[in-house]
Amino acid sequence: MTEKKAGQEYTWEEIFSLDRLKRAMTKRVLDRLELESVWQGKGPMSPDQVDKVVNDEWQRAKEAVRNSPAARDAFRKYLERSVSEQIDKLKARDKDELEALGVVEKGL
């Protein structure tokens, strides 16, 4: 079970809040540390080894968040706002020229 959980992808329930993400990460890191200690048979791990496992798991968690449907939706909304703001700036800058070419403010 520990081996399976250590390599398993994060579920949406594990990453939709920072609190749940922290709990899921803590469990996975502890499982990985136990597994690596047992398989290496060396006893306690050094702080550097622990830091490496934590940082590796953090990267996996961030990747899971980035690939989640909620992240895609949030990024889409961010892009919509950004693109809209950029178009508004361009429209304001070139409004006189566009009106001179026959573009009206509002359509019918």
PDB file of N, CA and C in Angstrom:
ATOM      1  N   MET A   1       0.827  -1.202   0.000  1.00  0.00           N
ATOM      2  CA  MET A   1       0.000   0.000   0.000  1.00  0.00           C
ATOM      3  C   MET A   1       0.865   1.257   0.000  1.00  0.00           C
ATOM      4  N   THR A   2       1.904   1.274   0.804  1.00  0.00           N
ATOM      5  CA  THR A   2       2.781   2.439   0.856  1.00  0.00           C
ATOM      6  C   THR A   2       3.445   2.676  -0.488  1.00  0.00           C
ATOM      7  N   GLU A   3       3.902   1.598  -1.117  1.00  0.00           N
ATOM      8  CA  GLU A   3       4.543   1.734  -2.408  1.00  0.00           C
ATOM      9  C   GLU A   3       3.582   2.316  -3.430  1.00  0.00           C
ATOM     10  N   LYS A   4       2.371   1.828  -3.442  1.00  0.00           N
ATOM     11  CA  LYS A   4       1.366   2.310  -4.385  1.00  0.00           C
ATOM     12  C   LYS A   4       1.044   3.780  -4.134  1.00  0.00           C
ATOM     13  N   LYS A   5       0.844   4.167  -2.892  1.00  0.00           N
ATOM     14  CA  LYS A   5       0.481   5.549  -2.547  1.00  0.00           C
ATOM     15  C   LYS A   5       1.610   6.517  -2.894  1.00  0.00           C
ATOM     16  N   ALA A   6       2.871   6.091  -2.689  1.00  0.00           N
ATOM     17  CA  ALA A   6       4.007   6.974  -2.935  1.00  0.00           C
ATOM     18  C   ALA A   6       4.100   7.368  -4.405  1.00  0.00           C
ATOM     19  N   GLY A   7       3.709   6.470  -5.331  1.00  0.00           N
ATOM     20  CA  GLY A   7       3.799   6.777  -6.740  1.00  0.00           C
ATOM     21  C   GLY A   7       2.490   7.208  -7.358  1.00  0.00           C
ATOM     22  N   GLN A   8       1.444   7.268  -6.568  1.00  0.00           N
ATOM     23  CA  GLN A   8       0.104   7.564  -7.049  1.00  0.00           C
ATOM     24  C   GLN A   8      -0.069   9.054  -7.319  1.00  0.00           C
ATOM     25  N   GLU A   9      -0.914   9.352  -8.310  1.00  0.00           N
ATOM     26  CA  GLU A   9      -1.236  10.745  -8.611  1.00  0.00           C
ATOM     27  C   GLU A   9      -2.119  11.319  -7.502  1.00  0.00           C
ATOM     28  N   TYR A  10      -2.058  12.626  -7.341  1.00  0.00           N
ATOM     29  CA  TYR A  10      -2.933  13.298  -6.377  1.00  0.00           C
ATOM     30  C   TYR A  10      -4.351  13.325  -6.921  1.00  0.00           C
ATOM     31  N   THR A  11      -5.319  13.185  -6.049  1.00  0.00           N
ATOM     32  CA  THR A  11      -6.713  13.306  -6.438  1.00  0.00           C
ATOM     33  C   THR A  11      -7.160  14.750  -6.211  1.00  0.00           C
ATOM     34  N   TRP A  12      -8.295  15.108  -6.827  1.00  0.00           N
ATOM     35  CA  TRP A  12      -8.827  16.459  -6.660  1.00  0.00           C
ATOM     36  C   TRP A  12      -9.105  16.759  -5.197  1.00  0.00           C
ATOM     37  N   GLU A  13      -9.595  15.769  -4.460  1.00  0.00           N
ATOM     38  CA  GLU A  13      -9.923  15.968  -3.047  1.00  0.00           C
ATOM     39  C   GLU A  13      -8.681  16.297  -2.225  1.00  0.00           C
ATOM     40  N   GLU A  14      -7.526  15.852  -2.678  1.00  0.00           N
ATOM     41  CA  GLU A  14      -6.284  16.114  -1.944  1.00  0.00           C
ATOM     42  C   GLU A  14      -5.703  17.485  -2.242  1.00  0.00           C
ATOM     43  N   ILE A  15      -6.086  18.092  -3.350  1.00  0.00           N
ATOM     44  CA  ILE A  15      -5.417  19.338  -3.744  1.00  0.00           C
ATOM     45  C   ILE A  15      -6.329  20.550  -3.808  1.00  0.00           C
ATOM     46  N   PHE A  16      -7.615  20.399  -3.479  1.00  0.00           N
ATOM     47  CA  PHE A  16      -8.488  21.564  -3.666  1.00  0.00           C
ATOM     48  C   PHE A  16      -8.380  22.579  -2.536  1.00  0.00           C
ATOM     49  N   SER A  17      -7.689  22.256  -1.442  1.00  0.00           N
ATOM     50  CA  SER A  17      -7.430  23.267  -0.414  1.00  0.00           C
ATOM     51  C   SER A  17      -6.005  23.093   0.099  1.00  0.00           C
ATOM     52  N   LEU A  18      -5.439  24.176   0.580  1.00  0.00           N
ATOM     53  CA  LEU A  18      -4.058  24.115   1.081  1.00  0.00           C
ATOM     54  C   LEU A  18      -3.933  23.188   2.281  1.00  0.00           C
ATOM     55  N   ASP A  19      -4.958  23.171   3.115  1.00  0.00           N
ATOM     56  CA  ASP A  19      -4.938  22.301   4.285  1.00  0.00           C
ATOM     57  C   ASP A  19      -4.895  20.832   3.867  1.00  0.00           C
ATOM     58  N   ARG A  20      -5.752  20.460   2.933  1.00  0.00           N
ATOM     59  CA  ARG A  20      -5.777  19.066   2.467  1.00  0.00           C
ATOM     60  C   ARG A  20      -4.493  18.721   1.709  1.00  0.00           C
ATOM     61  N   LEU A  21      -3.984  19.670   0.964  1.00  0.00           N
ATOM     62  CA  LEU A  21      -2.734  19.438   0.241  1.00  0.00           C
ATOM     63  C   LEU A  21      -1.604  19.158   1.222  1.00  0.00           C
ATOM     64  N   LYS A  22      -1.547  19.939   2.285  1.00  0.00           N
ATOM     65  CA  LYS A  22      -0.499  19.735   3.290  1.00  0.00           C
ATOM     66  C   LYS A  22      -0.624  18.356   3.940  1.00  0.00           C
ATOM     67  N   ARG A  23      -1.845  17.974   4.285  1.00  0.00           N
ATOM     68  CA  ARG A  23      -2.043  16.649   4.906  1.00  0.00           C
ATOM     69  C   ARG A  23      -1.653  15.526   3.955  1.00  0.00           C
ATOM     70  N   ALA A  24      -2.073  15.631   2.706  1.00  0.00           N
ATOM     71  CA  ALA A  24      -1.749  14.597   1.727  1.00  0.00           C
ATOM     72  C   ALA A  24      -0.244  14.518   1.499  1.00  0.00           C
ATOM     73  N   MET A  25       0.386  15.687   1.377  1.00  0.00           N
ATOM     74  CA  MET A  25       1.841  15.712   1.179  1.00  0.00           C
ATOM     75  C   MET A  25       2.565  15.124   2.373  1.00  0.00           C
ATOM     76  N   THR A  26       2.147  15.495   3.574  1.00  0.00           N
ATOM     77  CA  THR A  26       2.802  14.984   4.783  1.00  0.00           C
ATOM     78  C   THR A  26       2.742  13.467   4.799  1.00  0.00           C
ATOM     79  N   LYS A  27       1.574  12.914   4.526  1.00  0.00           N
ATOM     80  CA  LYS A  27       1.426  11.450   4.519  1.00  0.00           C
ATOM     81  C   LYS A  27       2.319  10.821   3.458  1.00  0.00           C
ATOM     82  N   ARG A  28       2.322  11.380   2.274  1.00  0.00           N
ATOM     83  CA  ARG A  28       3.132  10.819   1.189  1.00  0.00           C
ATOM     84  C   ARG A  28       4.622  10.921   1.480  1.00  0.00           C
ATOM     85  N   VAL A  29       5.045  12.052   2.032  1.00  0.00           N
ATOM     86  CA  VAL A  29       6.471  12.209   2.358  1.00  0.00           C
ATOM     87  C   VAL A  29       6.872  11.208   3.430  1.00  0.00           C
ATOM     88  N   LEU A  30       6.055  11.089   4.475  1.00  0.00           N
ATOM     89  CA  LEU A  30       6.374  10.126   5.532  1.00  0.00           C
ATOM     90  C   LEU A  30       6.408   8.701   4.984  1.00  0.00           C
ATOM     91  N   ASP A  31       5.458   8.362   4.119  1.00  0.00           N
ATOM     92  CA  ASP A  31       5.461   7.039   3.498  1.00  0.00           C
ATOM     93  C   ASP A  31       6.721   6.810   2.673  1.00  0.00           C
ATOM     94  N   ARG A  32       7.110   7.804   1.894  1.00  0.00           N
ATOM     95  CA  ARG A  32       8.331   7.678   1.077  1.00  0.00           C
ATOM     96  C   ARG A  32       9.565   7.565   1.944  1.00  0.00           C
ATOM     97  N   LEU A  33       9.611   8.359   3.025  1.00  0.00           N
ATOM     98  CA  LEU A  33      10.778   8.291   3.911  1.00  0.00           C
ATOM     99  C   LEU A  33      10.879   6.917   4.566  1.00  0.00           C
ATOM    100  N   GLU A  34       9.752   6.384   5.008  1.00  0.00           N
ATOM    101  CA  GLU A  34       9.739   5.039   5.592  1.00  0.00           C
ATOM    102  C   GLU A  34      10.191   4.011   4.574  1.00  0.00           C
ATOM    103  N   LEU A  35       9.638   4.080   3.397  1.00  0.00           N
ATOM    104  CA  LEU A  35       9.943   3.128   2.345  1.00  0.00           C
ATOM    105  C   LEU A  35      11.427   3.175   1.981  1.00  0.00           C
ATOM    106  N   GLU A  36      11.959   4.381   1.792  1.00  0.00           N
ATOM    107  CA  GLU A  36      13.358   4.511   1.416  1.00  0.00           C
ATOM    108  C   GLU A  36      14.287   4.067   2.539  1.00  0.00           C
ATOM    109  N   SER A  37      13.920   4.336   3.783  1.00  0.00           N
ATOM    110  CA  SER A  37      14.740   3.900   4.914  1.00  0.00           C
ATOM    111  C   SER A  37      14.760   2.377   5.006  1.00  0.00           C
ATOM    112  N   VAL A  38      13.590   1.763   4.810  1.00  0.00           N
ATOM    113  CA  VAL A  38      13.491   0.312   4.900  1.00  0.00           C
ATOM    114  C   VAL A  38      14.284  -0.343   3.778  1.00  0.00           C
ATOM    115  N   TRP A  39      14.116   0.163   2.569  1.00  0.00           N
ATOM    116  CA  TRP A  39      14.784  -0.464   1.435  1.00  0.00           C
ATOM    117  C   TRP A  39      16.281  -0.232   1.469  1.00  0.00           C
ATOM    118  N   GLN A  40      16.742   0.904   1.947  1.00  0.00           N
ATOM    119  CA  GLN A  40      18.172   1.175   2.034  1.00  0.00           C
ATOM    120  C   GLN A  40      18.786   0.459   3.220  1.00  0.00           C
ATOM    121  N   GLY A  41      18.008   0.218   4.248  1.00  0.00           N
ATOM    122  CA  GLY A  41      18.505  -0.469   5.432  1.00  0.00           C
ATOM    123  C   GLY A  41      19.589   0.299   6.178  1.00  0.00           C
ATOM    124  N   LYS A  42      19.586   1.612   6.017  1.00  0.00           N
ATOM    125  CA  LYS A  42      20.640   2.431   6.618  1.00  0.00           C
ATOM    126  C   LYS A  42      20.226   3.087   7.925  1.00  0.00           C
ATOM    127  N   GLY A  43      18.980   3.017   8.273  1.00  0.00           N
ATOM    128  CA  GLY A  43      18.527   3.702   9.483  1.00  0.00           C
ATOM    129  C   GLY A  43      18.058   5.096   9.165  1.00  0.00           C
ATOM    130  N   PRO A  44      18.231   6.023  10.099  1.00  0.00           N
ATOM    131  CA  PRO A  44      17.717   7.389   9.906  1.00  0.00           C
ATOM    132  C   PRO A  44      18.343   8.078   8.694  1.00  0.00           C
ATOM    133  N   MET A  45      17.539   8.916   8.076  1.00  0.00           N
ATOM    134  CA  MET A  45      18.000   9.671   6.912  1.00  0.00           C
ATOM    135  C   MET A  45      18.540  11.024   7.372  1.00  0.00           C
ATOM    136  N   SER A  46      19.422  11.580   6.581  1.00  0.00           N
ATOM    137  CA  SER A  46      19.985  12.895   6.903  1.00  0.00           C
ATOM    138  C   SER A  46      18.949  13.977   6.593  1.00  0.00           C
ATOM    139  N   PRO A  47      19.100  15.158   7.195  1.00  0.00           N
ATOM    140  CA  PRO A  47      18.186  16.264   6.886  1.00  0.00           C
ATOM    141  C   PRO A  47      18.176  16.614   5.398  1.00  0.00           C
ATOM    142  N   ASP A  48      19.332  16.487   4.733  1.00  0.00           N
ATOM    143  CA  ASP A  48      19.385  16.776   3.298  1.00  0.00           C
ATOM    144  C   ASP A  48      18.549  15.784   2.499  1.00  0.00           C
ATOM    145  N   GLN A  49      18.588  14.520   2.896  1.00  0.00           N
ATOM    146  CA  GLN A  49      17.780  13.509   2.213  1.00  0.00           C
ATOM    147  C   GLN A  49      16.288  13.774   2.435  1.00  0.00           C
ATOM    148  N   VAL A  50      15.935  14.150   3.650  1.00  0.00           N
ATOM    149  CA  VAL A  50      14.542  14.467   3.960  1.00  0.00           C
ATOM    150  C   VAL A  50      14.101  15.675   3.144  1.00  0.00           C
ATOM    151  N   ASP A  51      14.937  16.714   3.086  1.00  0.00           N
ATOM    152  CA  ASP A  51      14.613  17.907   2.295  1.00  0.00           C
ATOM    153  C   ASP A  51      14.394  17.556   0.829  1.00  0.00           C
ATOM    154  N   LYS A  52      15.208  16.677   0.300  1.00  0.00           N
ATOM    155  CA  LYS A  52      15.074  16.274  -1.104  1.00  0.00           C
ATOM    156  C   LYS A  52      13.732  15.585  -1.332  1.00  0.00           C
ATOM    157  N   VAL A  53      13.347  14.695  -0.436  1.00  0.00           N
ATOM    158  CA  VAL A  53      12.058  14.003  -0.581  1.00  0.00           C
ATOM    159  C   VAL A  53      10.908  15.006  -0.493  1.00  0.00           C
ATOM    160  N   VAL A  54      10.982  15.934   0.456  1.00  0.00           N
ATOM    161  CA  VAL A  54       9.928  16.949   0.608  1.00  0.00           C
ATOM    162  C   VAL A  54       9.839  17.809  -0.650  1.00  0.00           C
ATOM    163  N   ASN A  55      10.980  18.264  -1.150  1.00  0.00           N
ATOM    164  CA  ASN A  55      10.978  19.110  -2.351  1.00  0.00           C
ATOM    165  C   ASN A  55      10.476  18.360  -3.576  1.00  0.00           C
ATOM    166  N   ASP A  56      10.848  17.083  -3.715  1.00  0.00           N
ATOM    167  CA  ASP A  56      10.352  16.278  -4.827  1.00  0.00           C
ATOM    168  C   ASP A  56       8.828  16.136  -4.755  1.00  0.00           C
ATOM    169  N   GLU A  57       8.322  15.881  -3.566  1.00  0.00           N
ATOM    170  CA  GLU A  57       6.879  15.723  -3.402  1.00  0.00           C
ATOM    171  C   GLU A  57       6.162  17.045  -3.650  1.00  0.00           C
ATOM    172  N   TRP A  58       6.773  18.149  -3.235  1.00  0.00           N
ATOM    173  CA  TRP A  58       6.180  19.473  -3.474  1.00  0.00           C
ATOM    174  C   TRP A  58       6.041  19.720  -4.974  1.00  0.00           C
ATOM    175  N   GLN A  59       7.047  19.353  -5.735  1.00  0.00           N
ATOM    176  CA  GLN A  59       6.990  19.527  -7.185  1.00  0.00           C
ATOM    177  C   GLN A  59       5.874  18.673  -7.788  1.00  0.00           C
ATOM    178  N   ARG A  60       5.728  17.446  -7.313  1.00  0.00           N
ATOM    179  CA  ARG A  60       4.656  16.569  -7.782  1.00  0.00           C
ATOM    180  C   ARG A  60       3.284  17.170  -7.443  1.00  0.00           C
ATOM    181  N   ALA A  61       3.159  17.724  -6.250  1.00  0.00           N
ATOM    182  CA  ALA A  61       1.886  18.322  -5.828  1.00  0.00           C
ATOM    183  C   ALA A  61       1.556  19.548  -6.678  1.00  0.00           C
ATOM    184  N   LYS A  62       2.545  20.397  -6.914  1.00  0.00           N
ATOM    185  CA  LYS A  62       2.307  21.585  -7.740  1.00  0.00           C
ATOM    186  C   LYS A  62       1.908  21.192  -9.158  1.00  0.00           C
ATOM    187  N   GLU A  63       2.539  20.169  -9.683  1.00  0.00           N
ATOM    188  CA  GLU A  63       2.190  19.694 -11.024  1.00  0.00           C
ATOM    189  C   GLU A  63       0.753  19.179 -11.054  1.00  0.00           C
ATOM    190  N   ALA A  64       0.348  18.500 -10.008  1.00  0.00           N
ATOM    191  CA  ALA A  64      -1.028  18.004  -9.919  1.00  0.00           C
ATOM    192  C   ALA A  64      -2.013  19.169  -9.876  1.00  0.00           C
ATOM    193  N   VAL A  65      -1.674  20.212  -9.135  1.00  0.00           N
ATOM    194  CA  VAL A  65      -2.547  21.390  -9.061  1.00  0.00           C
ATOM    195  C   VAL A  65      -2.626  22.059 -10.433  1.00  0.00           C
ATOM    196  N   ARG A  66      -1.484  22.198 -11.088  1.00  0.00           N
ATOM    197  CA  ARG A  66      -1.472  22.839 -12.414  1.00  0.00           C
ATOM    198  C   ARG A  66      -2.304  22.060 -13.434  1.00  0.00           C
ATOM    199  N   ASN A  67      -2.328  20.749 -13.302  1.00  0.00           N
ATOM    200  CA  ASN A  67      -3.044  19.911 -14.261  1.00  0.00           C
ATOM    201  C   ASN A  67      -4.495  19.651 -13.879  1.00  0.00           C
ATOM    202  N   SER A  68      -4.951  20.233 -12.800  1.00  0.00           N
ATOM    203  CA  SER A  68      -6.319  19.983 -12.347  1.00  0.00           C
ATOM    204  C   SER A  68      -7.313  20.770 -13.201  1.00  0.00           C
ATOM    205  N   PRO A  69      -8.541  20.261 -13.314  1.00  0.00           N
ATOM    206  CA  PRO A  69      -9.577  20.991 -14.067  1.00  0.00           C
ATOM    207  C   PRO A  69      -9.831  22.391 -13.496  1.00  0.00           C
ATOM    208  N   ALA A  70      -9.797  22.525 -12.192  1.00  0.00           N
ATOM    209  CA  ALA A  70     -10.032  23.837 -11.577  1.00  0.00           C
ATOM    210  C   ALA A  70      -8.941  24.826 -11.972  1.00  0.00           C
ATOM    211  N   ALA A  71      -7.704  24.358 -12.047  1.00  0.00           N
ATOM    212  CA  ALA A  71      -6.602  25.241 -12.448  1.00  0.00           C
ATOM    213  C   ALA A  71      -6.773  25.674 -13.902  1.00  0.00           C
ATOM    214  N   ARG A  72      -7.189  24.750 -14.751  1.00  0.00           N
ATOM    215  CA  ARG A  72      -7.424  25.117 -16.153  1.00  0.00           C
ATOM    216  C   ARG A  72      -8.538  26.157 -16.259  1.00  0.00           C
ATOM    217  N   ASP A  73      -9.615  25.976 -15.504  1.00  0.00           N
ATOM    218  CA  ASP A  73     -10.709  26.944 -15.514  1.00  0.00           C
ATOM    219  C   ASP A  73     -10.258  28.306 -15.004  1.00  0.00           C
ATOM    220  N   ALA A  74      -9.507  28.301 -13.915  1.00  0.00           N
ATOM    221  CA  ALA A  74      -9.016  29.557 -13.341  1.00  0.00           C
ATOM    222  C   ALA A  74      -8.066  30.254 -14.314  1.00  0.00           C
ATOM    223  N   PHE A  75      -7.210  29.482 -14.971  1.00  0.00           N
ATOM    224  CA  PHE A  75      -6.281  30.071 -15.927  1.00  0.00           C
ATOM    225  C   PHE A  75      -7.032  30.636 -17.124  1.00  0.00           C
ATOM    226  N   ARG A  76      -8.082  29.944 -17.557  1.00  0.00           N
ATOM    227  CA  ARG A  76      -8.904  30.434 -18.669  1.00  0.00           C
ATOM    228  C   ARG A  76      -9.546  31.779 -18.303  1.00  0.00           C
ATOM    229  N   LYS A  77     -10.075  31.895 -17.092  1.00  0.00           N
ATOM    230  CA  LYS A  77     -10.680  33.152 -16.644  1.00  0.00           C
ATOM    231  C   LYS A  77      -9.631  34.256 -16.566  1.00  0.00           C
ATOM    232  N   TYR A  78      -8.440  33.919 -16.082  1.00  0.00           N
ATOM    233  CA  TYR A  78      -7.343  34.891 -16.022  1.00  0.00           C
ATOM    234  C   TYR A  78      -6.999  35.374 -17.435  1.00  0.00           C
ATOM    235  N   LEU A  79      -6.896  34.423 -18.374  1.00  0.00           N
ATOM    236  CA  LEU A  79      -6.582  34.798 -19.753  1.00  0.00           C
ATOM    237  C   LEU A  79      -7.664  35.679 -20.348  1.00  0.00           C
ATOM    238  N   GLU A  80      -8.915  35.347 -20.091  1.00  0.00           N
ATOM    239  CA  GLU A  80     -10.026  36.160 -20.607  1.00  0.00           C
ATOM    240  C   GLU A  80      -9.925  37.598 -20.107  1.00  0.00           C
ATOM    241  N   ARG A  81      -9.658  37.751 -18.800  1.00  0.00           N
ATOM    242  CA  ARG A  81      -9.513  39.105 -18.242  1.00  0.00           C
ATOM    243  C   ARG A  81      -8.320  39.828 -18.861  1.00  0.00           C
ATOM    244  N   SER A  82      -7.189  39.146 -18.935  1.00  0.00           N
ATOM    245  CA  SER A  82      -5.972  39.763 -19.462  1.00  0.00           C
ATOM    246  C   SER A  82      -6.132  40.184 -20.915  1.00  0.00           C
ATOM    247  N   VAL A  83      -6.688  39.287 -21.723  1.00  0.00           N
ATOM    248  CA  VAL A  83      -6.884  39.597 -23.138  1.00  0.00           C
ATOM    249  C   VAL A  83      -7.872  40.745 -23.292  1.00  0.00           C
ATOM    250  N   SER A  84      -8.944  40.718 -22.529  1.00  0.00           N
ATOM    251  CA  SER A  84      -9.945  41.777 -22.607  1.00  0.00           C
ATOM    252  C   SER A  84      -9.339  43.135 -22.241  1.00  0.00           C
ATOM    253  N   GLU A  85      -8.551  43.178 -21.178  1.00  0.00           N
ATOM    254  CA  GLU A  85      -7.899  44.427 -20.764  1.00  0.00           C
ATOM    255  C   GLU A  85      -6.944  44.923 -21.840  1.00  0.00           C
ATOM    256  N   GLN A  86      -6.192  44.008 -22.442  1.00  0.00           N
ATOM    257  CA  GLN A  86      -5.253  44.408 -23.479  1.00  0.00           C
ATOM    258  C   GLN A  86      -5.986  44.955 -24.703  1.00  0.00           C
ATOM    259  N   ILE A  87      -7.080  44.308 -25.082  1.00  0.00           N
ATOM    260  CA  ILE A  87      -7.875  44.785 -26.226  1.00  0.00           C
ATOM    261  C   ILE A  87      -8.490  46.142 -25.912  1.00  0.00           C
ATOM    262  N   ASP A  88      -8.976  46.339 -24.680  1.00  0.00           N
ATOM    263  CA  ASP A  88      -9.538  47.644 -24.297  1.00  0.00           C
ATOM    264  C   ASP A  88      -8.497  48.751 -24.419  1.00  0.00           C
ATOM    265  N   LYS A  89      -7.268  48.477 -24.019  1.00  0.00           N
ATOM    266  CA  LYS A  89      -6.194  49.476 -24.129  1.00  0.00           C
ATOM    267  C   LYS A  89      -5.920  49.808 -25.595  1.00  0.00           C
ATOM    268  N   LEU A  90      -5.853  48.772 -26.429  1.00  0.00           N
ATOM    269  CA  LEU A  90      -5.604  48.994 -27.854  1.00  0.00           C
ATOM    270  C   LEU A  90      -6.759  49.750 -28.491  1.00  0.00           C
ATOM    271  N   LYS A  91      -7.978  49.395 -28.110  1.00  0.00           N
ATOM    272  CA  LYS A  91      -9.170  50.054 -28.646  1.00  0.00           C
ATOM    273  C   LYS A  91      -9.171  51.532 -28.261  1.00  0.00           C
ATOM    274  N   ALA A  92      -8.845  51.832 -26.995  1.00  0.00           N
ATOM    275  CA  ALA A  92      -8.815  53.225 -26.545  1.00  0.00           C
ATOM    276  C   ALA A  92      -7.726  54.010 -27.277  1.00  0.00           C
ATOM    277  N   ARG A  93      -6.586  53.359 -27.487  1.00  0.00           N
ATOM    278  CA  ARG A  93      -5.472  54.028 -28.156  1.00  0.00           C
ATOM    279  C   ARG A  93      -5.820  54.370 -29.605  1.00  0.00           C
ATOM    280  N   ASP A  94      -6.489  53.451 -30.305  1.00  0.00           N
ATOM    281  CA  ASP A  94      -6.747  53.622 -31.735  1.00  0.00           C
ATOM    282  C   ASP A  94      -8.200  53.977 -32.058  1.00  0.00           C
ATOM    283  N   LYS A  95      -8.961  54.420 -31.053  1.00  0.00           N
ATOM    284  CA  LYS A  95     -10.389  54.683 -31.230  1.00  0.00           C
ATOM    285  C   LYS A  95     -10.646  55.719 -32.320  1.00  0.00           C
ATOM    286  N   ASP A  96      -9.931  56.850 -32.287  1.00  0.00           N
ATOM    287  CA  ASP A  96     -10.156  57.909 -33.278  1.00  0.00           C
ATOM    288  C   ASP A  96      -9.901  57.410 -34.698  1.00  0.00           C
ATOM    289  N   GLU A  97      -8.831  56.661 -34.874  1.00  0.00           N
ATOM    290  CA  GLU A  97      -8.503  56.132 -36.205  1.00  0.00           C
ATOM    291  C   GLU A  97      -9.588  55.157 -36.677  1.00  0.00           C
ATOM    292  N   LEU A  98     -10.015  54.274 -35.786  1.00  0.00           N
ATOM    293  CA  LEU A  98     -11.040  53.296 -36.155  1.00  0.00           C
ATOM    294  C   LEU A  98     -12.366  53.976 -36.501  1.00  0.00           C
ATOM    295  N   GLU A  99     -12.751  54.994 -35.730  1.00  0.00           N
ATOM    296  CA  GLU A  99     -13.990  55.724 -36.018  1.00  0.00           C
ATOM    297  C   GLU A  99     -13.897  56.456 -37.347  1.00  0.00           C
ATOM    298  N   ALA A 100     -12.712  57.001 -37.647  1.00  0.00           N
ATOM    299  CA  ALA A 100     -12.515  57.686 -38.922  1.00  0.00           C
ATOM    300  C   ALA A 100     -12.655  56.709 -40.091  1.00  0.00           C
ATOM    301  N   LEU A 101     -12.393  55.448 -39.847  1.00  0.00           N
ATOM    302  CA  LEU A 101     -12.515  54.428 -40.893  1.00  0.00           C
ATOM    303  C   LEU A 101     -13.907  53.805 -40.940  1.00  0.00           C
ATOM    304  N   GLY A 102     -14.842  54.325 -40.116  1.00  0.00           N
ATOM    305  CA  GLY A 102     -16.229  53.888 -40.174  1.00  0.00           C
ATOM    306  C   GLY A 102     -16.652  52.898 -39.104  1.00  0.00           C
ATOM    307  N   VAL A 103     -15.806  52.578 -38.165  1.00  0.00           N
ATOM    308  CA  VAL A 103     -16.191  51.666 -37.080  1.00  0.00           C
ATOM    309  C   VAL A 103     -17.000  52.455 -36.056  1.00  0.00           C
ATOM    310  N   VAL A 104     -18.157  51.927 -35.696  1.00  0.00           N
ATOM    311  CA  VAL A 104     -19.004  52.614 -34.715  1.00  0.00           C
ATOM    312  C   VAL A 104     -18.778  52.034 -33.328  1.00  0.00           C
ATOM    313  N   GLU A 105     -19.166  52.801 -32.305  1.00  0.00           N
ATOM    314  CA  GLU A 105     -18.940  52.391 -30.915  1.00  0.00           C
ATOM    315  C   GLU A 105     -19.701  51.118 -30.562  1.00  0.00           C
ATOM    316  N   LYS A 106     -21.003  51.104 -30.869  1.00  0.00           N
ATOM    317  CA  LYS A 106     -21.840  49.931 -30.546  1.00  0.00           C
ATOM    318  C   LYS A 106     -22.535  49.441 -31.788  1.00  0.00           C
ATOM    319  N   GLY A 107     -22.652  48.135 -31.897  1.00  0.00           N
ATOM    320  CA  GLY A 107     -23.358  47.545 -33.043  1.00  0.00           C
ATOM    321  C   GLY A 107     -24.860  47.631 -32.841  1.00  0.00           C
ATOM    322  N   LEU A 108     -25.583  47.298 -33.895  1.00  0.00           N
ATOM    323  CA  LEU A 108     -27.049  47.354 -33.836  1.00  0.00           C
ATOM    324  C   LEU A 108     -27.600  46.294 -32.998  1.00  0.00           C
TER     325      LEU A 108
END
